[in-house]
N, C-alpha and C. Protein backbone atom coordinates (compact mmCIF):
# COMPACT_ATOMS: atom_id res chain seq x y z
N MET A 1 81.28 66.95 180.28
CA MET A 1 81.24 67.82 181.43
C MET A 1 82.47 67.65 182.27
N ILE A 2 83.00 66.47 182.40
CA ILE A 2 84.17 66.25 183.03
C ILE A 2 85.25 66.88 182.38
N LEU A 3 85.35 66.81 180.95
CA LEU A 3 86.44 67.36 180.22
C LEU A 3 86.35 68.85 180.44
N LEU A 4 85.14 69.46 180.42
CA LEU A 4 85.12 70.88 180.68
C LEU A 4 85.77 71.35 182.01
N VAL A 5 85.42 70.67 183.18
CA VAL A 5 85.82 70.92 184.45
C VAL A 5 87.45 70.61 184.53
N ALA A 6 87.92 69.64 183.84
CA ALA A 6 89.34 69.39 183.76
C ALA A 6 90.11 70.48 183.08
N THR A 7 89.58 70.98 182.00
CA THR A 7 90.17 72.00 181.20
C THR A 7 90.24 73.32 182.07
N VAL A 8 89.16 73.63 182.72
CA VAL A 8 89.08 74.88 183.59
C VAL A 8 90.13 74.67 184.67
N ALA A 9 90.14 73.47 185.39
CA ALA A 9 91.20 73.27 186.31
C ALA A 9 92.60 73.38 185.91
N LEU A 10 92.88 72.85 184.67
CA LEU A 10 94.16 73.01 184.05
C LEU A 10 94.48 74.40 183.88
N ILE A 11 93.68 75.20 183.33
CA ILE A 11 93.83 76.71 183.05
C ILE A 11 94.23 77.44 184.31
N PHE A 12 93.36 77.21 185.35
CA PHE A 12 93.63 77.96 186.64
C PHE A 12 94.77 77.36 187.33
N GLY A 13 95.03 76.12 187.16
CA GLY A 13 96.27 75.50 187.87
C GLY A 13 97.53 75.89 187.31
N SER A 14 97.48 76.15 185.97
CA SER A 14 98.78 76.57 185.33
C SER A 14 99.19 78.10 185.58
N SER A 15 98.12 78.96 185.88
CA SER A 15 98.46 80.24 186.33
C SER A 15 97.94 80.48 187.68
N SER A 16 98.57 81.31 188.38
CA SER A 16 98.22 81.58 189.76
C SER A 16 96.88 82.39 189.62
N CYS A 17 96.22 82.19 190.62
CA CYS A 17 94.84 82.93 190.81
C CYS A 17 95.23 84.38 191.00
N LYS A 18 96.37 84.59 191.74
CA LYS A 18 96.87 86.02 191.92
C LYS A 18 97.05 86.73 190.61
N ASP A 19 97.60 85.95 189.69
CA ASP A 19 97.97 86.80 188.35
C ASP A 19 96.55 87.23 187.73
N VAL A 20 95.59 86.70 187.98
CA VAL A 20 94.13 87.12 187.39
C VAL A 20 93.93 88.54 187.83
N LEU A 21 94.40 88.97 189.21
CA LEU A 21 94.18 90.29 189.66
C LEU A 21 95.19 91.24 189.21
N ASP A 22 96.15 90.90 188.34
CA ASP A 22 97.15 91.89 187.93
C ASP A 22 96.48 93.15 187.35
N VAL A 23 97.10 94.22 187.54
CA VAL A 23 96.58 95.56 187.06
C VAL A 23 97.76 95.92 186.01
N LYS A 24 97.20 96.32 184.79
CA LYS A 24 98.03 96.70 183.73
C LYS A 24 97.82 98.08 183.34
N ARG A 25 98.72 98.98 183.32
CA ARG A 25 98.53 100.38 183.12
C ARG A 25 99.67 100.88 182.16
N ASP A 26 99.27 101.62 181.07
CA ASP A 26 100.12 102.26 180.28
C ASP A 26 100.44 103.58 180.93
N PHE A 27 101.69 104.05 180.75
CA PHE A 27 102.05 105.43 181.52
C PHE A 27 103.01 106.08 180.57
N SER A 28 103.16 107.36 180.90
CA SER A 28 104.18 108.10 180.08
C SER A 28 104.61 109.22 181.18
N PHE A 29 105.76 109.71 181.02
CA PHE A 29 106.21 110.89 181.82
C PHE A 29 107.29 111.60 180.98
N THR A 30 107.31 112.94 181.20
CA THR A 30 108.28 113.75 180.56
C THR A 30 109.30 114.29 181.51
N TYR A 31 110.54 114.34 181.06
CA TYR A 31 111.55 114.74 182.06
C TYR A 31 112.49 115.76 181.34
N GLU A 32 112.76 116.93 181.86
CA GLU A 32 113.62 117.82 181.18
C GLU A 32 115.10 117.87 181.95
N LEU A 33 116.15 117.91 181.04
CA LEU A 33 117.49 117.83 181.63
C LEU A 33 118.20 119.16 180.90
N LYS A 34 118.54 120.00 181.76
CA LYS A 34 119.35 121.21 181.28
C LYS A 34 120.76 120.99 181.06
N VAL A 35 121.29 121.37 179.79
CA VAL A 35 122.54 121.30 179.49
C VAL A 35 123.09 122.71 179.25
N ASP A 36 124.26 122.87 180.06
CA ASP A 36 124.83 124.31 179.99
C ASP A 36 126.45 124.10 180.12
N SER A 37 127.03 124.42 179.01
CA SER A 37 128.47 124.40 178.81
C SER A 37 129.06 125.44 177.95
N ASP A 38 130.09 126.03 178.39
CA ASP A 38 130.69 126.94 177.60
C ASP A 38 131.51 126.28 176.36
N LYS A 39 131.71 125.03 176.48
CA LYS A 39 132.46 124.18 175.49
C LYS A 39 131.41 123.55 174.66
N ASN A 40 131.92 122.79 173.58
CA ASN A 40 131.11 122.05 172.75
C ASN A 40 130.79 120.62 173.29
N ASP A 41 131.63 120.03 174.42
CA ASP A 41 131.20 118.93 174.83
C ASP A 41 130.46 119.23 176.23
N TYR A 42 129.58 118.27 176.57
CA TYR A 42 128.73 118.47 177.82
C TYR A 42 128.49 117.21 178.53
N TYR A 43 128.10 117.38 179.72
CA TYR A 43 127.73 116.28 180.69
C TYR A 43 126.62 116.86 181.58
N SER A 44 125.63 116.32 181.61
CA SER A 44 124.52 116.73 182.54
C SER A 44 123.86 115.40 183.00
N ALA A 45 123.50 115.56 184.44
CA ALA A 45 122.84 114.33 185.16
C ALA A 45 121.95 114.83 186.14
N ASP A 46 120.92 114.05 186.40
CA ASP A 46 119.84 114.44 187.27
C ASP A 46 119.21 113.38 187.89
N LEU A 47 118.77 113.41 189.08
CA LEU A 47 118.23 112.29 189.83
C LEU A 47 116.66 112.34 189.58
N ILE A 48 116.14 111.31 189.17
CA ILE A 48 114.69 111.25 188.93
C ILE A 48 114.06 110.28 189.99
N ASP A 49 112.96 110.76 190.73
CA ASP A 49 112.27 109.97 191.77
C ASP A 49 110.92 109.68 190.99
N LEU A 50 110.71 108.43 190.42
CA LEU A 50 109.61 108.18 189.76
C LEU A 50 108.29 108.12 190.50
N THR A 51 108.42 107.99 191.77
CA THR A 51 107.14 108.17 192.70
C THR A 51 106.71 109.64 192.56
N GLU A 52 107.48 110.57 192.15
CA GLU A 52 107.01 111.90 192.11
C GLU A 52 106.61 112.23 190.62
N GLU A 53 107.12 111.46 189.65
CA GLU A 53 106.85 111.79 188.30
C GLU A 53 105.79 110.90 187.67
N VAL A 54 105.52 109.75 188.20
CA VAL A 54 104.51 108.88 187.56
C VAL A 54 103.51 108.32 188.64
N SER A 55 102.21 108.76 188.54
CA SER A 55 101.30 108.29 189.50
C SER A 55 101.05 106.83 189.66
N VAL A 56 101.13 106.02 188.63
CA VAL A 56 100.99 104.58 188.83
C VAL A 56 102.12 103.95 189.57
N ILE A 57 103.40 104.62 189.50
CA ILE A 57 104.37 104.11 190.26
C ILE A 57 104.23 104.45 191.68
N LYS A 58 103.78 105.68 191.93
CA LYS A 58 103.45 105.99 193.35
C LYS A 58 102.30 105.21 193.87
N ASP A 59 101.31 104.91 193.11
CA ASP A 59 100.16 104.15 193.55
C ASP A 59 100.40 102.75 193.90
N TYR A 60 101.23 102.01 192.98
CA TYR A 60 101.49 100.59 193.20
C TYR A 60 102.91 100.23 193.77
N GLY A 61 103.84 101.22 193.77
CA GLY A 61 104.96 100.97 194.46
C GLY A 61 105.62 99.65 194.59
N ASP A 62 105.59 99.05 195.75
CA ASP A 62 106.30 97.66 195.94
C ASP A 62 105.43 96.51 195.29
N ASN A 63 104.31 96.84 194.80
CA ASN A 63 103.41 95.72 194.16
C ASN A 63 103.68 95.60 192.67
N ILE A 64 104.63 96.41 192.08
CA ILE A 64 104.96 96.39 190.74
C ILE A 64 105.73 95.14 190.32
N LYS A 65 105.14 94.33 189.42
CA LYS A 65 105.80 93.04 189.01
C LYS A 65 106.67 93.25 187.71
N GLU A 66 106.10 94.29 186.84
CA GLU A 66 107.03 94.47 185.59
C GLU A 66 106.77 95.89 185.15
N ILE A 67 108.02 96.42 184.59
CA ILE A 67 107.81 97.65 183.83
C ILE A 67 108.49 97.42 182.48
N ASP A 68 107.86 97.86 181.52
CA ASP A 68 108.35 97.72 180.13
C ASP A 68 108.29 99.05 179.31
N ILE A 69 109.47 99.68 179.32
CA ILE A 69 109.52 101.04 178.57
C ILE A 69 109.65 100.69 177.08
N LYS A 70 108.55 101.15 176.35
CA LYS A 70 108.31 100.92 174.89
C LYS A 70 109.02 101.90 173.96
N ASP A 71 109.03 103.23 174.50
CA ASP A 71 109.61 104.23 173.61
C ASP A 71 110.20 105.40 174.45
N ILE A 72 111.27 106.06 173.89
CA ILE A 72 111.77 107.24 174.55
C ILE A 72 111.89 108.12 173.33
N SER A 73 111.29 109.33 173.51
CA SER A 73 111.38 110.46 172.50
C SER A 73 112.17 111.44 173.14
N LEU A 74 112.95 112.40 172.13
CA LEU A 74 113.77 113.42 172.56
C LEU A 74 113.42 114.66 171.82
N TRP A 75 113.47 115.79 172.41
CA TRP A 75 113.39 117.01 171.65
C TRP A 75 114.05 118.03 172.45
N ILE A 76 114.46 119.19 171.86
CA ILE A 76 115.31 120.19 172.34
C ILE A 76 114.22 121.55 172.50
N ARG A 77 114.45 122.24 173.57
CA ARG A 77 113.85 123.47 173.72
C ARG A 77 114.84 124.48 174.46
N ASN A 78 114.66 125.69 174.36
CA ASN A 78 115.47 126.67 175.00
C ASN A 78 116.84 126.63 174.36
N HIS A 79 117.00 126.35 173.15
CA HIS A 79 118.21 126.23 172.47
C HIS A 79 118.94 127.56 172.36
N GLN A 80 120.11 127.84 172.76
CA GLN A 80 120.88 129.10 172.65
C GLN A 80 122.15 128.78 171.90
N GLY A 81 122.13 128.88 170.65
CA GLY A 81 123.21 128.59 169.78
C GLY A 81 122.95 128.86 168.36
N PRO A 82 123.90 128.48 167.45
CA PRO A 82 123.70 128.85 166.05
C PRO A 82 122.75 127.81 165.36
N THR A 83 122.14 128.34 164.31
CA THR A 83 121.04 127.58 163.60
C THR A 83 121.71 126.40 163.00
N ASP A 84 123.08 126.26 162.78
CA ASP A 84 123.69 124.98 162.14
C ASP A 84 124.27 124.10 163.38
N HIS A 85 123.86 124.37 164.59
CA HIS A 85 124.24 123.57 165.62
C HIS A 85 123.94 122.09 165.37
N ALA A 86 124.87 121.13 165.67
CA ALA A 86 124.47 119.73 165.48
C ALA A 86 125.05 118.97 166.67
N ILE A 87 124.50 117.84 166.85
CA ILE A 87 124.84 116.80 167.88
C ILE A 87 125.99 115.91 167.08
N VAL A 88 127.26 116.03 167.51
CA VAL A 88 128.15 115.11 166.81
C VAL A 88 127.90 113.82 167.26
N GLN A 89 127.79 113.58 168.57
CA GLN A 89 127.43 112.40 169.20
C GLN A 89 127.09 112.64 170.68
N THR A 90 126.05 111.85 171.20
CA THR A 90 125.69 111.96 172.56
C THR A 90 125.26 110.53 173.00
N GLU A 91 125.37 110.30 174.22
CA GLU A 91 124.76 109.05 174.88
C GLU A 91 123.69 109.41 175.97
N VAL A 92 122.75 108.75 175.91
CA VAL A 92 121.64 108.76 176.84
C VAL A 92 121.87 107.75 177.73
N ILE A 93 122.19 107.95 179.12
CA ILE A 93 122.71 106.91 179.99
C ILE A 93 121.73 106.96 181.15
N VAL A 94 121.50 105.64 181.72
CA VAL A 94 120.78 105.47 183.01
C VAL A 94 121.73 104.93 184.02
N ALA A 95 121.69 105.33 185.23
CA ALA A 95 122.52 104.84 186.30
C ALA A 95 121.59 104.76 187.61
N ASN A 96 122.26 103.95 188.47
CA ASN A 96 121.65 103.86 189.87
C ASN A 96 121.55 105.19 190.38
N ALA A 97 120.84 105.45 191.44
CA ALA A 97 120.62 106.79 192.07
C ALA A 97 121.89 107.46 192.47
N ASP A 98 122.86 106.57 192.90
CA ASP A 98 124.21 107.15 193.34
C ASP A 98 125.14 107.41 192.06
N GLY A 99 124.71 107.15 190.96
CA GLY A 99 125.60 107.30 189.77
C GLY A 99 126.33 106.05 189.25
N SER A 100 126.39 105.12 190.04
CA SER A 100 127.00 103.92 189.72
C SER A 100 126.29 103.10 188.67
N GLY A 101 126.85 102.08 188.11
CA GLY A 101 126.19 101.29 187.12
C GLY A 101 125.69 101.91 185.81
N GLN A 102 126.50 102.88 185.31
CA GLN A 102 126.10 103.53 184.25
C GLN A 102 125.88 102.51 182.97
N THR A 103 124.68 102.77 182.24
CA THR A 103 124.42 101.90 181.04
C THR A 103 123.88 102.72 179.94
N VAL A 104 124.31 102.54 178.77
CA VAL A 104 123.74 103.56 177.68
C VAL A 104 122.35 102.90 177.28
N VAL A 105 121.41 103.89 177.28
CA VAL A 105 120.12 103.49 176.78
C VAL A 105 119.98 103.87 175.21
N SER A 106 120.49 104.96 174.90
CA SER A 106 120.50 105.34 173.39
C SER A 106 121.88 106.05 172.99
N PHE A 107 122.12 106.11 171.76
CA PHE A 107 123.28 106.78 171.24
C PHE A 107 122.92 107.51 170.04
N ILE A 108 123.14 108.78 169.94
CA ILE A 108 122.81 109.65 168.87
C ILE A 108 124.04 110.17 168.15
N GLU A 109 123.97 110.12 166.85
CA GLU A 109 125.13 110.75 166.08
C GLU A 109 124.57 111.63 165.02
N ASN A 110 125.29 112.65 164.69
CA ASN A 110 125.06 113.49 163.55
C ASN A 110 123.71 114.04 163.35
N GLN A 111 123.20 114.65 164.52
CA GLN A 111 121.88 115.03 164.45
C GLN A 111 121.74 116.61 164.56
N ALA A 112 121.30 117.26 163.52
CA ALA A 112 121.03 118.66 163.51
C ALA A 112 120.06 119.08 164.65
N ILE A 113 120.32 120.04 165.34
CA ILE A 113 119.49 120.47 166.43
C ILE A 113 118.31 121.24 165.92
N GLU A 114 118.31 122.00 165.00
CA GLU A 114 117.19 122.81 164.45
C GLU A 114 115.99 121.90 164.16
N PRO A 115 116.14 120.73 163.60
CA PRO A 115 114.89 119.93 163.30
C PRO A 115 114.20 119.27 164.46
N ILE A 116 114.85 119.25 165.61
CA ILE A 116 114.38 118.56 166.83
C ILE A 116 113.97 119.60 167.88
N ILE A 117 113.97 120.94 167.46
CA ILE A 117 113.45 121.92 168.41
C ILE A 117 112.05 121.87 168.43
N GLN A 118 111.49 121.41 169.62
CA GLN A 118 110.01 121.28 169.82
C GLN A 118 109.40 120.27 168.81
N ASN A 119 110.26 119.32 168.30
CA ASN A 119 109.84 118.38 167.42
C ASN A 119 110.47 116.96 167.83
N PRO A 120 109.66 116.17 168.49
CA PRO A 120 110.29 114.97 169.07
C PRO A 120 110.70 113.90 168.04
N ILE A 121 111.79 113.23 168.34
CA ILE A 121 112.32 112.06 167.57
C ILE A 121 112.30 110.90 168.54
N SER A 122 111.99 109.69 167.97
CA SER A 122 111.99 108.54 168.74
C SER A 122 113.45 107.91 168.70
N LEU A 123 114.02 107.70 169.85
CA LEU A 123 115.30 107.16 169.97
C LEU A 123 115.45 105.72 169.60
N ASP A 124 116.61 105.40 169.08
CA ASP A 124 116.85 103.94 169.00
C ASP A 124 117.45 103.45 170.27
N LEU A 125 116.77 102.35 170.85
CA LEU A 125 117.08 101.93 172.25
C LEU A 125 117.99 100.71 172.23
N ASN A 126 118.79 100.77 173.25
CA ASN A 126 119.85 99.78 173.58
C ASN A 126 119.21 98.76 174.61
N ASP A 127 118.99 97.56 174.29
CA ASP A 127 118.25 96.56 175.12
C ASP A 127 118.76 96.51 176.55
N GLU A 128 120.13 96.50 176.74
CA GLU A 128 120.81 96.37 177.91
C GLU A 128 120.41 97.79 178.77
N GLY A 129 120.49 98.89 178.23
CA GLY A 129 120.02 100.20 178.84
C GLY A 129 118.59 100.21 179.29
N VAL A 130 117.85 99.76 178.39
CA VAL A 130 116.26 99.63 178.62
C VAL A 130 116.02 98.63 179.81
N ASN A 131 116.68 97.60 179.81
CA ASN A 131 116.34 96.54 180.74
C ASN A 131 116.95 97.13 182.20
N LYS A 132 117.95 97.88 182.20
CA LYS A 132 118.38 98.49 183.48
C LYS A 132 117.41 99.61 183.90
N LEU A 133 116.88 100.37 182.88
CA LEU A 133 115.93 101.32 183.16
C LEU A 133 114.73 100.71 183.85
N ASN A 134 114.28 99.69 183.12
CA ASN A 134 112.98 99.03 183.70
C ASN A 134 113.12 98.48 185.09
N ARG A 135 114.29 97.86 185.37
CA ARG A 135 114.67 97.35 186.75
C ARG A 135 114.64 98.55 187.82
N LEU A 136 115.15 99.63 187.42
CA LEU A 136 115.30 100.71 188.41
C LEU A 136 113.89 101.26 188.55
N ILE A 137 113.04 101.46 187.67
CA ILE A 137 111.79 102.00 187.74
C ILE A 137 111.01 101.00 188.64
N ARG A 138 111.09 99.69 188.33
CA ARG A 138 110.28 98.74 189.06
C ARG A 138 110.64 98.59 190.52
N GLN A 139 111.89 98.69 190.87
CA GLN A 139 112.38 98.35 192.24
C GLN A 139 112.30 99.57 193.17
N SER A 140 111.98 99.39 194.33
CA SER A 140 111.98 100.48 195.34
C SER A 140 113.35 100.81 195.62
N PRO A 141 113.75 102.07 195.57
CA PRO A 141 112.80 103.26 195.84
C PRO A 141 112.42 104.04 194.51
N HIS A 142 112.53 103.31 193.47
CA HIS A 142 112.04 103.83 192.09
C HIS A 142 112.70 105.18 191.75
N THR A 143 114.05 105.13 192.01
CA THR A 143 114.82 106.32 191.61
C THR A 143 115.99 105.94 190.75
N LEU A 144 116.39 106.91 189.82
CA LEU A 144 117.60 106.62 188.92
C LEU A 144 118.15 107.87 188.47
N GLN A 145 119.25 107.84 187.86
CA GLN A 145 119.95 108.98 187.22
C GLN A 145 119.84 108.89 185.81
N ILE A 146 119.35 110.11 185.17
CA ILE A 146 119.49 110.12 183.71
C ILE A 146 120.57 111.05 183.37
N ILE A 147 121.46 110.60 182.45
CA ILE A 147 122.68 111.42 182.05
C ILE A 147 122.67 111.57 180.65
N LEU A 148 123.06 112.67 180.24
CA LEU A 148 123.29 113.11 178.82
C LEU A 148 124.72 113.62 178.69
N SER A 149 125.46 112.87 177.87
CA SER A 149 126.90 113.13 177.68
C SER A 149 127.18 113.12 176.20
N GLY A 150 127.83 114.32 175.76
CA GLY A 150 128.12 114.32 174.32
C GLY A 150 128.88 115.52 173.84
N GLU A 151 128.73 115.61 172.54
CA GLU A 151 129.63 116.87 171.89
C GLU A 151 128.75 117.37 170.85
N LEU A 152 128.79 118.63 170.72
CA LEU A 152 128.19 119.44 169.69
C LEU A 152 129.34 119.81 168.63
N ASN A 153 128.95 120.20 167.34
CA ASN A 153 129.86 120.70 166.39
C ASN A 153 130.35 122.03 166.76
N LYS A 154 129.78 123.01 167.60
CA LYS A 154 130.27 124.20 168.01
C LYS A 154 129.92 124.54 169.48
N SER A 155 130.54 125.31 170.00
CA SER A 155 130.10 125.69 171.48
C SER A 155 129.32 127.01 171.35
N PRO A 156 128.53 127.40 172.20
CA PRO A 156 128.42 126.61 173.75
C PRO A 156 127.33 125.57 173.60
N ALA A 157 127.26 124.60 174.46
CA ALA A 157 126.17 123.74 174.65
C ALA A 157 125.24 124.22 175.74
N ASN A 158 124.16 124.89 175.10
CA ASN A 158 123.23 125.42 176.08
C ASN A 158 121.75 125.25 175.47
N PHE A 159 121.14 124.20 176.12
CA PHE A 159 119.72 123.90 175.68
C PHE A 159 119.12 123.00 176.75
N THR A 160 117.75 122.79 176.55
CA THR A 160 117.22 121.71 177.49
C THR A 160 116.80 120.61 176.70
N ALA A 161 117.18 119.38 177.04
CA ALA A 161 116.79 118.16 176.44
C ALA A 161 115.52 117.68 177.05
N VAL A 162 114.48 117.34 176.41
CA VAL A 162 113.20 116.92 176.92
C VAL A 162 112.97 115.45 176.46
N PHE A 163 112.76 114.69 177.44
CA PHE A 163 112.64 113.18 177.18
C PHE A 163 111.19 112.88 177.51
N GLU A 164 110.57 112.02 176.67
CA GLU A 164 109.26 111.44 177.07
C GLU A 164 109.30 109.99 176.99
N PHE A 165 109.12 109.36 178.19
CA PHE A 165 109.31 107.91 178.30
C PHE A 165 107.67 107.35 178.22
N GLU A 166 107.60 106.31 177.48
CA GLU A 166 106.29 105.67 177.42
C GLU A 166 106.55 104.08 177.74
N GLY A 167 105.64 103.63 178.58
CA GLY A 167 105.82 102.29 178.97
C GLY A 167 104.53 101.68 179.53
N ARG A 168 104.63 100.57 180.02
CA ARG A 168 103.57 99.68 180.57
C ARG A 168 104.00 99.22 181.91
N MET A 169 103.04 99.21 182.99
CA MET A 169 103.36 98.59 184.25
C MET A 169 102.44 97.49 184.49
N VAL A 170 102.84 96.46 185.12
CA VAL A 170 102.07 95.43 185.59
C VAL A 170 102.24 95.25 187.13
N ALA A 171 101.20 95.29 187.85
CA ALA A 171 101.24 95.26 189.30
C ALA A 171 100.20 94.31 189.79
N ASN A 172 100.42 93.85 190.99
CA ASN A 172 99.42 92.91 191.73
C ASN A 172 99.22 93.61 193.03
N PRO A 173 98.15 94.19 193.30
CA PRO A 173 97.81 94.88 194.62
C PRO A 173 97.75 94.03 195.74
N LEU A 174 97.67 92.63 195.57
CA LEU A 174 97.60 91.79 196.68
C LEU A 174 98.86 91.40 197.31
């Protein structure tokens, strides 16, 4: 009996009682970024307020302890260009709300556009960029810039890039 009480005390002593009340929620959100350039190179940026895009971010706000983005998918819609249009290279970048601190989340090379029209591909993620993305989502005011910068094999660059972010949030409402 004493051993049982000691074991229970050790378990609760090693982790905060507050941690027992942690709320874990999987979440996802989709964001569209319009690319419109007469040239074959492009740069498009937009400010995302996650409190407007993700209900769990709005609901738990300053009580968020962790954000872990697990996957980012990309697909194209509203493509206006030749059927042999291809991405020569592009960077998916995350930055602070004011555009500073740009960090690459993913890099794409030699990707034909036709196969990804309305057909999502999972991006290869750069740890440094994902860590920055996680911090910006977790910290108030939960805003960030998403940037798409790259080059196509032909002009014009006119399409909508659709991103789907999937992750997990841990919050403690106390």
